[in-house]
PDB file of N, CA and C in Angstrom:
ATOM      1  N   MET A   1     -24.498  16.050  42.057  1.00  0.00           N
ATOM      2  CA  MET A   1     -25.215  15.441  41.069  1.00  0.00           C
ATOM      3  C   MET A   1     -25.896  14.277  42.046  1.00  0.00           C
ATOM      4  N   ASP A   2     -27.203  13.968  41.998  1.00  0.00           N
ATOM      5  CA  ASP A   2     -27.787  13.073  42.769  1.00  0.00           C
ATOM      6  C   ASP A   2     -27.858  11.773  41.876  1.00  0.00           C
ATOM      7  N   PHE A   3     -28.432  10.856  42.676  1.00  0.00           N
ATOM      8  CA  PHE A   3     -28.601   9.504  42.268  1.00  0.00           C
ATOM      9  C   PHE A   3     -29.378   9.448  40.764  1.00  0.00           C
ATOM     10  N   GLU A   4     -30.368  10.112  40.522  1.00  0.00           N
ATOM     11  CA  GLU A   4     -31.169  10.063  39.453  1.00  0.00           C
ATOM     12  C   GLU A   4     -30.354  10.591  38.026  1.00  0.00           C
ATOM     13  N   GLU A   5     -29.577  11.602  38.472  1.00  0.00           N
ATOM     14  CA  GLU A   5     -28.908  12.122  37.288  1.00  0.00           C
ATOM     15  C   GLU A   5     -27.757  11.231  36.984  1.00  0.00           C
ATOM     16  N   VAL A   6     -27.080  10.688  37.968  1.00  0.00           N
ATOM     17  CA  VAL A   6     -26.176   9.700  37.823  1.00  0.00           C
ATOM     18  C   VAL A   6     -26.919   8.479  36.945  1.00  0.00           C
ATOM     19  N   ALA A   7     -27.708   8.009  37.305  1.00  0.00           N
ATOM     20  CA  ALA A   7     -28.396   7.047  36.584  1.00  0.00           C
ATOM     21  C   ALA A   7     -29.011   6.979  35.280  1.00  0.00           C
ATOM     22  N   VAL A   8     -29.476   8.422  35.121  1.00  0.00           N
ATOM     23  CA  VAL A   8     -29.872   8.686  33.679  1.00  0.00           C
ATOM     24  C   VAL A   8     -28.311   8.808  32.722  1.00  0.00           C
ATOM     25  N   PHE A   9     -27.338   9.426  33.547  1.00  0.00           N
ATOM     26  CA  PHE A   9     -26.062   9.625  32.702  1.00  0.00           C
ATOM     27  C   PHE A   9     -25.470   8.276  32.186  1.00  0.00           C
ATOM     28  N   ILE A  10     -25.526   7.307  33.330  1.00  0.00           N
ATOM     29  CA  ILE A  10     -25.292   5.927  32.850  1.00  0.00           C
ATOM     30  C   ILE A  10     -26.141   5.127  31.857  1.00  0.00           C
ATOM     31  N   VAL A  11     -27.347   5.509  32.081  1.00  0.00           N
ATOM     32  CA  VAL A  11     -28.416   4.966  31.041  1.00  0.00           C
ATOM     33  C   VAL A  11     -28.137   5.296  29.561  1.00  0.00           C
ATOM     34  N   VAL A  12     -27.788   6.550  29.592  1.00  0.00           N
ATOM     35  CA  VAL A  12     -27.559   7.311  28.351  1.00  0.00           C
ATOM     36  C   VAL A  12     -25.964   6.939  27.750  1.00  0.00           C
ATOM     37  N   LEU A  13     -25.057   7.029  28.650  1.00  0.00           N
ATOM     38  CA  LEU A  13     -23.695   6.657  28.254  1.00  0.00           C
ATOM     39  C   LEU A  13     -23.054   5.278  27.995  1.00  0.00           C
ATOM     40  N   LEU A  14     -23.702   4.411  28.739  1.00  0.00           N
ATOM     41  CA  LEU A  14     -23.458   2.731  28.748  1.00  0.00           C
ATOM     42  C   LEU A  14     -23.911   2.297  26.990  1.00  0.00           C
ATOM     43  N   PRO A  15     -25.124   2.683  26.633  1.00  0.00           N
ATOM     44  CA  PRO A  15     -25.374   2.346  25.336  1.00  0.00           C
ATOM     45  C   PRO A  15     -24.186   2.912  24.301  1.00  0.00           C
ATOM     46  N   LEU A  16     -24.077   4.308  24.331  1.00  0.00           N
ATOM     47  CA  LEU A  16     -23.501   4.906  23.333  1.00  0.00           C
ATOM     48  C   LEU A  16     -21.861   4.267  23.448  1.00  0.00           C
ATOM     49  N   VAL A  17     -21.430   3.990  24.615  1.00  0.00           N
ATOM     50  CA  VAL A  17     -20.156   3.483  24.570  1.00  0.00           C
ATOM     51  C   VAL A  17     -20.152   2.203  24.290  1.00  0.00           C
ATOM     52  N   SER A  18     -20.933   1.232  24.355  1.00  0.00           N
ATOM     53  CA  SER A  18     -21.072  -0.087  23.797  1.00  0.00           C
ATOM     54  C   SER A  18     -21.274  -0.102  22.271  1.00  0.00           C
ATOM     55  N   LEU A  19     -22.036   1.090  21.762  1.00  0.00           N
ATOM     56  CA  LEU A  19     -22.146   0.979  20.444  1.00  0.00           C
ATOM     57  C   LEU A  19     -20.864   1.373  19.540  1.00  0.00           C
ATOM     58  N   CYS A  20     -20.054   2.222  20.094  1.00  0.00           N
ATOM     59  CA  CYS A  20     -18.777   2.883  19.748  1.00  0.00           C
ATOM     60  C   CYS A  20     -17.926   1.699  19.681  1.00  0.00           C
ATOM     61  N   PHE A  21     -18.025   0.890  20.792  1.00  0.00           N
ATOM     62  CA  PHE A  21     -16.937  -0.162  21.020  1.00  0.00           C
ATOM     63  C   PHE A  21     -17.204  -1.185  19.759  1.00  0.00           C
ATOM     64  N   GLY A  22     -18.482  -1.390  19.750  1.00  0.00           N
ATOM     65  CA  GLY A  22     -18.813  -2.420  18.778  1.00  0.00           C
ATOM     66  C   GLY A  22     -18.571  -1.980  17.342  1.00  0.00           C
ATOM     67  N   LEU A  23     -18.920  -0.889  16.902  1.00  0.00           N
ATOM     68  CA  LEU A  23     -18.352  -0.337  15.744  1.00  0.00           C
ATOM     69  C   LEU A  23     -16.988  -0.327  15.418  1.00  0.00           C
ATOM     70  N   THR A  24     -16.202   0.027  16.373  1.00  0.00           N
ATOM     71  CA  THR A  24     -14.816  -0.397  16.331  1.00  0.00           C
ATOM     72  C   THR A  24     -14.211  -1.696  16.112  1.00  0.00           C
ATOM     73  N   LEU A  25     -14.915  -2.550  16.687  1.00  0.00           N
ATOM     74  CA  LEU A  25     -14.416  -3.842  16.528  1.00  0.00           C
ATOM     75  C   LEU A  25     -14.711  -4.270  15.248  1.00  0.00           C
ATOM     76  N   ARG A  26     -15.875  -3.929  14.848  1.00  0.00           N
ATOM     77  CA  ARG A  26     -16.637  -4.319  13.484  1.00  0.00           C
ATOM     78  C   ARG A  26     -15.935  -3.855  12.051  1.00  0.00           C
ATOM     79  N   LEU A  27     -15.562  -2.417  12.252  1.00  0.00           N
ATOM     80  CA  LEU A  27     -15.103  -1.695  11.236  1.00  0.00           C
ATOM     81  C   LEU A  27     -13.540  -1.663  11.322  1.00  0.00           C
ATOM     82  N   ALA A  28     -12.765  -1.569  12.566  1.00  0.00           N
ATOM     83  CA  ALA A  28     -11.481  -1.462  12.314  1.00  0.00           C
ATOM     84  C   ALA A  28     -10.686  -2.865  12.775  1.00  0.00           C
ATOM     85  N   ILE A  29     -11.026  -3.480  13.847  1.00  0.00           N
ATOM     86  CA  ILE A  29     -10.275  -4.531  14.096  1.00  0.00           C
ATOM     87  C   ILE A  29     -10.485  -5.741  13.399  1.00  0.00           C
ATOM     88  N   LYS A  30     -11.635  -6.212  13.289  1.00  0.00           N
ATOM     89  CA  LYS A  30     -12.136  -7.379  12.277  1.00  0.00           C
ATOM     90  C   LYS A  30     -11.577  -7.616  11.119  1.00  0.00           C
ATOM     91  N   PRO A  31     -11.566  -6.419  10.166  1.00  0.00           N
ATOM     92  CA  PRO A  31     -10.765  -6.454   8.823  1.00  0.00           C
ATOM     93  C   PRO A  31      -9.185  -6.791   9.120  1.00  0.00           C
ATOM     94  N   PHE A  32      -8.613  -6.087  10.067  1.00  0.00           N
ATOM     95  CA  PHE A  32      -7.202  -6.236  10.526  1.00  0.00           C
ATOM     96  C   PHE A  32      -6.933  -7.448  10.811  1.00  0.00           C
ATOM     97  N   VAL A  33      -7.823  -8.177  11.758  1.00  0.00           N
ATOM     98  CA  VAL A  33      -7.385  -9.663  12.068  1.00  0.00           C
ATOM     99  C   VAL A  33      -7.651 -10.433  11.002  1.00  0.00           C
ATOM    100  N   GLU A  34      -8.642 -10.419   9.958  1.00  0.00           N
ATOM    101  CA  GLU A  34      -8.726 -11.291   9.046  1.00  0.00           C
ATOM    102  C   GLU A  34      -7.704 -11.067   8.088  1.00  0.00           C
ATOM    103  N   THR A  35      -7.408  -9.970   7.714  1.00  0.00           N
ATOM    104  CA  THR A  35      -6.020  -9.643   7.074  1.00  0.00           C
ATOM    105  C   THR A  35      -4.935 -10.256   7.501  1.00  0.00           C
ATOM    106  N   LEU A  36      -4.803 -10.011   8.655  1.00  0.00           N
ATOM    107  CA  LEU A  36      -3.598 -10.603   9.254  1.00  0.00           C
ATOM    108  C   LEU A  36      -3.507 -12.137   9.378  1.00  0.00           C
ATOM    109  N   SER A  37      -4.548 -12.855   9.550  1.00  0.00           N
ATOM    110  CA  SER A  37      -4.650 -14.272   9.413  1.00  0.00           C
ATOM    111  C   SER A  37      -4.470 -14.819   8.269  1.00  0.00           C
ATOM    112  N   GLY A  38      -4.996 -14.100   7.104  1.00  0.00           N
ATOM    113  CA  GLY A  38      -4.855 -14.554   5.899  1.00  0.00           C
ATOM    114  C   GLY A  38      -3.320 -14.553   5.497  1.00  0.00           C
ATOM    115  N   VAL A  39      -2.600 -13.517   5.735  1.00  0.00           N
ATOM    116  CA  VAL A  39      -1.195 -13.376   5.409  1.00  0.00           C
ATOM    117  C   VAL A  39      -0.495 -14.490   6.039  1.00  0.00           C
ATOM    118  N   LEU A  40      -0.791 -14.875   7.368  1.00  0.00           N
ATOM    119  CA  LEU A  40      -0.078 -15.931   8.287  1.00  0.00           C
ATOM    120  C   LEU A  40      -0.420 -17.061   7.637  1.00  0.00           C
ATOM    121  N   GLY A  41      -1.515 -17.387   7.067  1.00  0.00           N
ATOM    122  CA  GLY A  41      -2.002 -18.545   6.511  1.00  0.00           C
ATOM    123  C   GLY A  41      -1.159 -18.774   5.254  1.00  0.00           C
ATOM    124  N   GLN A  42      -0.999 -17.933   4.419  1.00  0.00           N
ATOM    125  CA  GLN A  42      -0.138 -17.953   2.995  1.00  0.00           C
ATOM    126  C   GLN A  42       0.950 -18.180   3.443  1.00  0.00           C
ATOM    127  N   HIS A  43       1.767 -17.736   4.528  1.00  0.00           N
ATOM    128  CA  HIS A  43       3.006 -18.019   4.981  1.00  0.00           C
ATOM    129  C   HIS A  43       3.371 -19.447   5.356  1.00  0.00           C
ATOM    130  N   ARG A  44       2.118 -20.103   5.884  1.00  0.00           N
ATOM    131  CA  ARG A  44       2.222 -21.238   6.519  1.00  0.00           C
ATOM    132  C   ARG A  44       2.139 -22.465   5.402  1.00  0.00           C
ATOM    133  N   ALA A  45       1.714 -22.069   4.745  1.00  0.00           N
ATOM    134  CA  ALA A  45       1.399 -23.292   3.637  1.00  0.00           C
ATOM    135  C   ALA A  45       1.822 -22.584   2.203  1.00  0.00           C
ATOM    136  N   PRO A  46       3.178 -23.166   2.021  1.00  0.00           N
ATOM    137  CA  PRO A  46       3.793 -22.509   0.497  1.00  0.00           C
ATOM    138  C   PRO A  46       3.085 -22.961  -0.480  1.00  0.00           C
ATOM    139  N   ALA A  47       2.859 -22.306  -1.580  1.00  0.00           N
ATOM    140  CA  ALA A  47       2.397 -22.554  -2.714  1.00  0.00           C
ATOM    141  C   ALA A  47       3.075 -24.019  -3.577  1.00  0.00           C
ATOM    142  N   PRO A  48       2.401 -24.622  -4.496  1.00  0.00           N
ATOM    143  CA  PRO A  48       3.200 -25.610  -5.015  1.00  0.00           C
ATOM    144  C   PRO A  48       4.470 -25.143  -6.143  1.00  0.00           C
ATOM    145  N   GLU A  49       4.447 -23.867  -6.494  1.00  0.00           N
ATOM    146  CA  GLU A  49       5.464 -23.566  -7.165  1.00  0.00           C
ATOM    147  C   GLU A  49       6.577 -23.133  -6.300  1.00  0.00           C
ATOM    148  N   GLN A  50       6.196 -22.538  -4.877  1.00  0.00           N
ATOM    149  CA  GLN A  50       7.394 -22.242  -4.157  1.00  0.00           C
ATOM    150  C   GLN A  50       8.127 -23.514  -3.501  1.00  0.00           C
ATOM    151  N   MET A  51       7.283 -24.663  -3.459  1.00  0.00           N
ATOM    152  CA  MET A  51       7.683 -26.040  -3.018  1.00  0.00           C
ATOM    153  C   MET A  51       8.722 -26.188  -3.879  1.00  0.00           C
ATOM    154  N   ALA A  52       8.225 -26.297  -5.302  1.00  0.00           N
ATOM    155  CA  ALA A  52       9.377 -26.551  -6.171  1.00  0.00           C
ATOM    156  C   ALA A  52      10.482 -26.053  -6.314  1.00  0.00           C
ATOM    157  N   GLU A  53      10.506 -24.661  -6.087  1.00  0.00           N
ATOM    158  CA  GLU A  53      11.761 -23.841  -6.044  1.00  0.00           C
ATOM    159  C   GLU A  53      12.529 -24.214  -4.888  1.00  0.00           C
ATOM    160  N   LEU A  54      11.799 -24.489  -3.473  1.00  0.00           N
ATOM    161  CA  LEU A  54      12.553 -24.618  -2.400  1.00  0.00           C
ATOM    162  C   LEU A  54      13.393 -26.202  -2.526  1.00  0.00           C
ATOM    163  N   LYS A  55      12.397 -27.252  -3.261  1.00  0.00           N
ATOM    164  CA  LYS A  55      13.216 -28.460  -3.773  1.00  0.00           C
ATOM    165  C   LYS A  55      14.358 -28.341  -4.501  1.00  0.00           C
ATOM    166  N   ALA A  56      14.409 -27.289  -5.477  1.00  0.00           N
ATOM    167  CA  ALA A  56      15.403 -27.231  -6.339  1.00  0.00           C
ATOM    168  C   ALA A  56      16.661 -26.447  -5.448  1.00  0.00           C
ATOM    169  N   MET A  57      16.408 -25.594  -4.694  1.00  0.00           N
ATOM    170  CA  MET A  57      17.241 -24.923  -4.040  1.00  0.00           C
ATOM    171  C   MET A  57      17.989 -25.836  -3.099  1.00  0.00           C
ATOM    172  N   ARG A  58      17.380 -26.738  -2.529  1.00  0.00           N
ATOM    173  CA  ARG A  58      17.764 -27.965  -1.584  1.00  0.00           C
ATOM    174  C   ARG A  58      18.816 -28.724  -2.471  1.00  0.00           C
ATOM    175  N   ALA A  59      18.427 -29.335  -3.619  1.00  0.00           N
ATOM    176  CA  ALA A  59      19.353 -30.000  -4.657  1.00  0.00           C
ATOM    177  C   ALA A  59      20.568 -28.974  -4.858  1.00  0.00           C
ATOM    178  N   GLN A  60      20.370 -27.753  -5.207  1.00  0.00           N
ATOM    179  CA  GLN A  60      21.709 -27.041  -5.525  1.00  0.00           C
ATOM    180  C   GLN A  60      22.604 -27.016  -4.174  1.00  0.00           C
ATOM    181  N   LEU A  61      21.922 -26.965  -2.836  1.00  0.00           N
ATOM    182  CA  LEU A  61      22.618 -26.718  -1.917  1.00  0.00           C
ATOM    183  C   LEU A  61      23.512 -27.940  -1.519  1.00  0.00           C
ATOM    184  N   TYR A  62      22.812 -29.056  -1.922  1.00  0.00           N
ATOM    185  CA  TYR A  62      23.558 -30.260  -1.950  1.00  0.00           C
ATOM    186  C   TYR A  62      24.628 -30.584  -2.560  1.00  0.00           C
ATOM    187  N   GLU A  63      24.313 -30.173  -3.926  1.00  0.00           N
ATOM    188  CA  GLU A  63      25.350 -30.292  -5.214  1.00  0.00           C
ATOM    189  C   GLU A  63      26.720 -29.373  -4.860  1.00  0.00           C
ATOM    190  N   PHE A  64      26.304 -28.249  -4.101  1.00  0.00           N
ATOM    191  CA  PHE A  64      27.390 -27.494  -3.624  1.00  0.00           C
ATOM    192  C   PHE A  64      28.323 -28.046  -2.483  1.00  0.00           C
ATOM    193  N   THR A  65      27.643 -28.498  -1.803  1.00  0.00           N
ATOM    194  CA  THR A  65      28.201 -29.186  -0.420  1.00  0.00           C
ATOM    195  C   THR A  65      29.048 -30.286  -0.984  1.00  0.00           C
ATOM    196  N   GLU A  66      28.644 -31.233  -1.826  1.00  0.00           N
ATOM    197  CA  GLU A  66      29.576 -32.245  -2.364  1.00  0.00           C
ATOM    198  C   GLU A  66      30.527 -31.664  -3.037  1.00  0.00           C
ATOM    199  N   ALA A  67      30.491 -30.634  -3.909  1.00  0.00           N
ATOM    200  CA  ALA A  67      31.523 -29.911  -4.761  1.00  0.00           C
ATOM    201  C   ALA A  67      32.670 -29.359  -3.570  1.00  0.00           C
ATOM    202  N   VAL A  68      31.874 -28.775  -2.644  1.00  0.00           N
ATOM    203  CA  VAL A  68      33.077 -28.199  -1.733  1.00  0.00           C
ATOM    204  C   VAL A  68      33.876 -29.406  -0.880  1.00  0.00           C
ATOM    205  N   SER A  69      33.285 -30.237  -0.672  1.00  0.00           N
ATOM    206  CA  SER A  69      33.970 -31.558   0.048  1.00  0.00           C
ATOM    207  C   SER A  69      34.936 -32.195  -0.864  1.00  0.00           C
ATOM    208  N   GLU A  70      34.694 -32.267  -2.049  1.00  0.00           N
ATOM    209  CA  GLU A  70      35.654 -32.850  -3.007  1.00  0.00           C
ATOM    210  C   GLU A  70      36.744 -32.019  -3.229  1.00  0.00           C
ATOM    211  N   LEU A  71      36.527 -30.545  -3.061  1.00  0.00           N
ATOM    212  CA  LEU A  71      37.606 -29.824  -3.516  1.00  0.00           C
ATOM    213  C   LEU A  71      38.475 -29.730  -2.283  1.00  0.00           C
ATOM    214  N   ARG A  72      38.011 -29.955  -1.025  1.00  0.00           N
ATOM    215  CA  ARG A  72      38.807 -29.892   0.088  1.00  0.00           C
ATOM    216  C   ARG A  72      39.867 -31.159  -0.041  1.00  0.00           C
ATOM    217  N   GLY A  73      39.131 -32.300  -0.483  1.00  0.00           N
ATOM    218  CA  GLY A  73      39.993 -33.375  -0.532  1.00  0.00           C
ATOM    219  C   GLY A  73      41.159 -33.359  -1.716  1.00  0.00           C
ATOM    220  N   GLN A  74      40.779 -32.424  -2.805  1.00  0.00           N
ATOM    221  CA  GLN A  74      41.888 -32.218  -3.640  1.00  0.00           C
ATOM    222  C   GLN A  74      42.875 -31.337  -3.291  1.00  0.00           C
ATOM    223  N   VAL A  75      42.342 -30.098  -2.725  1.00  0.00           N
ATOM    224  CA  VAL A  75      43.374 -29.396  -2.074  1.00  0.00           C
ATOM    225  C   VAL A  75      44.093 -29.817  -0.761  1.00  0.00           C
ATOM    226  N   SER A  76      43.738 -30.908  -0.150  1.00  0.00           N
ATOM    227  CA  SER A  76      44.497 -31.439   0.788  1.00  0.00           C
ATOM    228  C   SER A  76      45.607 -32.480  -0.095  1.00  0.00           C
ATOM    229  N   PHE A  77      45.127 -32.843  -1.139  1.00  0.00           N
ATOM    230  CA  PHE A  77      46.119 -34.026  -1.948  1.00  0.00           C
ATOM    231  C   PHE A  77      47.020 -33.076  -2.562  1.00  0.00           C
ATOM    232  N   ASP A  78      46.633 -31.752  -2.996  1.00  0.00           N
ATOM    233  CA  ASP A  78      47.852 -31.097  -3.685  1.00  0.00           C
ATOM    234  C   ASP A  78      48.879 -30.353  -2.653  1.00  0.00           C
ATOM    235  N   ARG A  79      48.338 -30.035  -1.426  1.00  0.00           N
ATOM    236  CA  ARG A  79      49.121 -29.887  -0.496  1.00  0.00           C
ATOM    237  C   ARG A  79      50.068 -30.598  -0.133  1.00  0.00           C
ATOM    238  N   GLN A  80      49.637 -32.158  -0.092  1.00  0.00           N
ATOM    239  CA  GLN A  80      50.586 -33.123   0.116  1.00  0.00           C
ATOM    240  C   GLN A  80      51.709 -33.269  -0.950  1.00  0.00           C
ATOM    241  N   LEU A  81      51.075 -33.178  -2.348  1.00  0.00           N
ATOM    242  CA  LEU A  81      52.121 -33.071  -3.350  1.00  0.00           C
ATOM    243  C   LEU A  81      53.228 -31.994  -3.077  1.00  0.00           C
ATOM    244  N   VAL A  82      52.594 -30.740  -2.968  1.00  0.00           N
ATOM    245  CA  VAL A  82      53.799 -29.671  -2.984  1.00  0.00           C
ATOM    246  C   VAL A  82      54.723 -29.830  -1.673  1.00  0.00           C
ATOM    247  N   ALA A  83      54.136 -30.315  -0.879  1.00  0.00           N
ATOM    248  CA  ALA A  83      55.021 -30.499   0.567  1.00  0.00           C
ATOM    249  C   ALA A  83      56.215 -31.746   0.055  1.00  0.00           C
ATOM    250  N   GLY A  84      55.482 -32.713  -0.588  1.00  0.00           N
ATOM    251  CA  GLY A  84      56.569 -33.667  -0.890  1.00  0.00           C
ATOM    252  C   GLY A  84      57.440 -33.353  -2.083  1.00  0.00           C
ATOM    253  N   GLY A  85      57.154 -32.481  -2.977  1.00  0.00           N
ATOM    254  CA  GLY A  85      57.609 -32.125  -4.218  1.00  0.00           C
ATOM    255  C   GLY A  85      58.752 -31.143  -3.716  1.00  0.00           C
ATOM    256  N   SER A  86      58.543 -30.259  -2.622  1.00  0.00           N
ATOM    257  CA  SER A  86      59.498 -29.208  -2.132  1.00  0.00           C
ATOM    258  C   SER A  86      60.843 -30.224  -1.390  1.00  0.00           C
ATOM    259  N   THR A  87      60.603 -31.351  -0.880  1.00  0.00           N
ATOM    260  CA  THR A  87      61.613 -31.991  -0.243  1.00  0.00           C
ATOM    261  C   THR A  87      62.161 -32.761  -1.259  1.00  0.00           C
ATOM    262  N   ASP A  88      61.877 -33.106  -2.427  1.00  0.00           N
ATOM    263  CA  ASP A  88      62.398 -33.948  -3.130  1.00  0.00           C
ATOM    264  C   ASP A  88      63.499 -32.905  -4.090  1.00  0.00           C
ATOM    265  N   GLU A  89      63.177 -31.628  -4.135  1.00  0.00           N
ATOM    266  CA  GLU A  89      64.129 -30.601  -4.798  1.00  0.00           C
ATOM    267  C   GLU A  89      65.115 -30.321  -4.022  1.00  0.00           C
ATOM    268  N   GLU A  90      65.018 -30.465  -2.984  1.00  0.00           N
ATOM    269  CA  GLU A  90      66.408 -30.057  -2.217  1.00  0.00           C
ATOM    270  C   GLU A  90      67.504 -31.044  -1.997  1.00  0.00           C
TER     271      GLU A  90
END
């Protein structure tokens, strides 16, 4: 192949490759990126009903934490009573 054949090959091949690349970007990658950004956007900004559910769950978690803490105190007191009661019976 001489220089003229290579030049013609490049002149014909370059536009075809760029057209294929452009169409690939437009038809395949762009919709994928838009969909991905939309999904990520939804997860970053929770909906108002999700915020209400999250607040309710936080309140329940706080109530459970308080209940467990109270139960620990009662169990500790019960253990002291049982320990003290077993020494009185002997």
